[in-house]
Amino acid sequence: MTKITEMAKDLGQALGRTDEYKALRRAASAVEEDRSLNALRTELEKLESDMVSLLQSGKEPEDEQKERYEELARDLQSRAEYQRLVSAQSNFDKLLQKVNETISKGIQEGAQGRIILPS
């Protein structure tokens, strides 16, 4: 394993231990365990798939389908468990963005330096 690969693995392990990642896992588990929320998501995904198929075949979904889709989406988005998942995902994404910015900065600094790391 190269030094860079080892460092990447260490970074991944460190990210897995962050509060943001732990909150994301807890929120995802809560959503997975909520049967009514899963039924809602399944119905929404099925309706979305049906509507996409219609659109791809050049047909417009019926108004009833559009209204049902909007109703289901509003219901899903209003659920506390789903809101926690979205919030946790957003917080973890922000952390990853900071990590990526720091890596990019390090790449720029490394490219300007004369020190060569062994691979």
Protein backbone atom coordinates (compact mmCIF):
# COMPACT_ATOMS: atom_id res chain seq x y z
CA MET A 1 0.00 0.00 0.00
CA THR A 2 1.40 3.39 -0.94
CA LYS A 3 1.83 6.22 1.53
CA ILE A 4 -0.97 8.21 -0.15
CA THR A 5 -3.32 5.21 0.02
CA GLU A 6 -2.52 4.74 3.70
CA MET A 7 -3.17 8.42 4.35
CA ALA A 8 -6.49 8.20 2.47
CA LYS A 9 -7.51 5.18 4.54
CA ASP A 10 -6.58 7.02 7.74
CA LEU A 11 -8.63 10.02 6.60
CA GLY A 12 -11.61 7.78 5.86
CA GLN A 13 -11.36 6.19 9.28
CA ALA A 14 -11.12 9.62 10.92
CA LEU A 15 -14.19 10.81 9.00
CA GLY A 16 -16.06 7.71 10.17
CA ARG A 17 -15.39 8.73 13.76
CA THR A 18 -16.68 12.30 13.40
CA ASP A 19 -19.82 13.48 15.14
CA GLU A 20 -21.23 14.45 11.75
CA TYR A 21 -20.88 10.93 10.37
CA LYS A 22 -22.25 9.36 13.53
CA ALA A 23 -25.29 11.67 13.37
CA LEU A 24 -25.78 10.73 9.71
CA ARG A 25 -25.70 7.00 10.51
CA ARG A 26 -28.16 7.44 13.40
CA ALA A 27 -30.54 9.47 11.22
CA ALA A 28 -30.30 6.95 8.37
CA SER A 29 -30.98 4.07 10.76
CA ALA A 30 -34.01 5.86 12.20
CA VAL A 31 -35.40 6.36 8.69
CA GLU A 32 -34.74 2.71 7.78
CA GLU A 33 -36.58 1.52 10.89
CA ASP A 34 -39.66 3.71 10.32
CA ARG A 35 -42.09 1.48 8.42
CA SER A 36 -44.58 4.22 7.56
CA LEU A 37 -41.80 6.45 6.26
CA ASN A 38 -40.44 3.61 4.13
CA ALA A 39 -43.89 2.89 2.74
CA LEU A 40 -44.21 6.57 1.87
CA ARG A 41 -40.81 6.61 0.18
CA THR A 42 -41.64 3.45 -1.77
CA GLU A 43 -44.93 4.89 -3.00
CA LEU A 44 -43.23 8.15 -3.94
CA GLU A 45 -40.44 6.35 -5.83
CA LYS A 46 -42.97 4.18 -7.70
CA LEU A 47 -45.04 7.19 -8.69
CA GLU A 48 -41.92 9.06 -9.77
CA SER A 49 -40.81 6.09 -11.88
CA ASP A 50 -44.23 5.89 -13.51
CA MET A 51 -44.19 9.60 -14.28
CA VAL A 52 -40.68 9.45 -15.74
CA SER A 53 -41.74 6.54 -17.97
CA LEU A 54 -44.68 8.57 -19.22
CA LEU A 55 -42.49 11.59 -19.93
CA GLN A 56 -39.91 9.45 -21.74
CA SER A 57 -42.64 8.05 -23.96
CA GLY A 58 -43.73 11.58 -24.82
CA LYS A 59 -46.84 11.57 -22.65
CA GLU A 60 -47.76 13.99 -19.90
CA PRO A 61 -48.59 12.59 -16.44
CA GLU A 62 -52.18 13.06 -15.38
CA ASP A 63 -53.05 15.88 -13.01
CA GLU A 64 -54.02 13.30 -10.37
CA GLN A 65 -50.53 11.79 -10.55
CA LYS A 66 -48.86 15.19 -10.27
CA GLU A 67 -51.04 16.15 -7.30
CA ARG A 68 -50.40 12.81 -5.57
CA TYR A 69 -46.67 13.19 -6.14
CA GLU A 70 -46.67 16.68 -4.62
CA GLU A 71 -48.77 15.46 -1.68
CA LEU A 72 -46.41 12.55 -1.00
CA ALA A 73 -43.32 14.76 -1.33
CA ARG A 74 -44.76 17.30 1.12
CA ASP A 75 -45.64 14.53 3.55
CA LEU A 76 -42.15 13.04 3.32
CA GLN A 77 -40.45 16.41 3.78
CA SER A 78 -42.59 17.23 6.80
CA ARG A 79 -41.54 14.11 8.70
CA ALA A 80 -39.12 14.82 11.56
CA GLU A 81 -37.08 11.66 10.84
CA TYR A 82 -36.61 12.68 7.22
CA GLN A 83 -35.70 16.24 8.20
CA ARG A 84 -33.06 14.90 10.60
CA LEU A 85 -31.62 12.76 7.81
CA VAL A 86 -31.46 15.69 5.39
CA SER A 87 -29.87 17.90 8.04
CA ALA A 88 -27.32 15.24 9.02
CA GLN A 89 -26.45 14.64 5.35
CA SER A 90 -26.01 18.38 4.82
CA ASN A 91 -23.72 18.67 7.85
CA PHE A 92 -21.59 15.73 6.72
CA ASP A 93 -21.43 17.15 3.18
CA LYS A 94 -20.16 20.45 4.63
CA LEU A 95 -17.47 18.56 6.52
CA LEU A 96 -16.44 16.74 3.33
CA GLN A 97 -16.35 20.04 1.46
CA LYS A 98 -13.98 21.49 4.09
CA VAL A 99 -11.80 18.38 3.82
CA ASN A 100 -11.73 18.65 0.01
CA GLU A 101 -10.83 22.35 0.21
CA THR A 102 -8.01 21.56 2.63
CA ILE A 103 -6.76 18.77 0.35
CA SER A 104 -6.85 21.13 -2.65
CA LYS A 105 -4.92 23.74 -0.71
CA GLY A 106 -2.40 21.07 0.27
CA ILE A 107 -2.05 20.00 -3.36
CA GLN A 108 -1.35 23.57 -4.42
CA GLU A 109 1.19 24.02 -1.65
CA GLY A 110 2.77 20.66 -2.45
CA ALA A 111 3.06 21.51 -6.13
CA GLN A 112 4.92 24.71 -5.25
CA GLY A 113 7.27 23.02 -2.80
CA ARG A 114 10.43 21.14 -3.64
CA ILE A 115 9.91 18.30 -1.18
CA ILE A 116 9.02 15.03 -2.90
CA LEU A 117 7.21 12.41 -0.83
CA PRO A 118 8.05 8.78 -1.47
CA SER A 119 5.17 6.87 -3.06
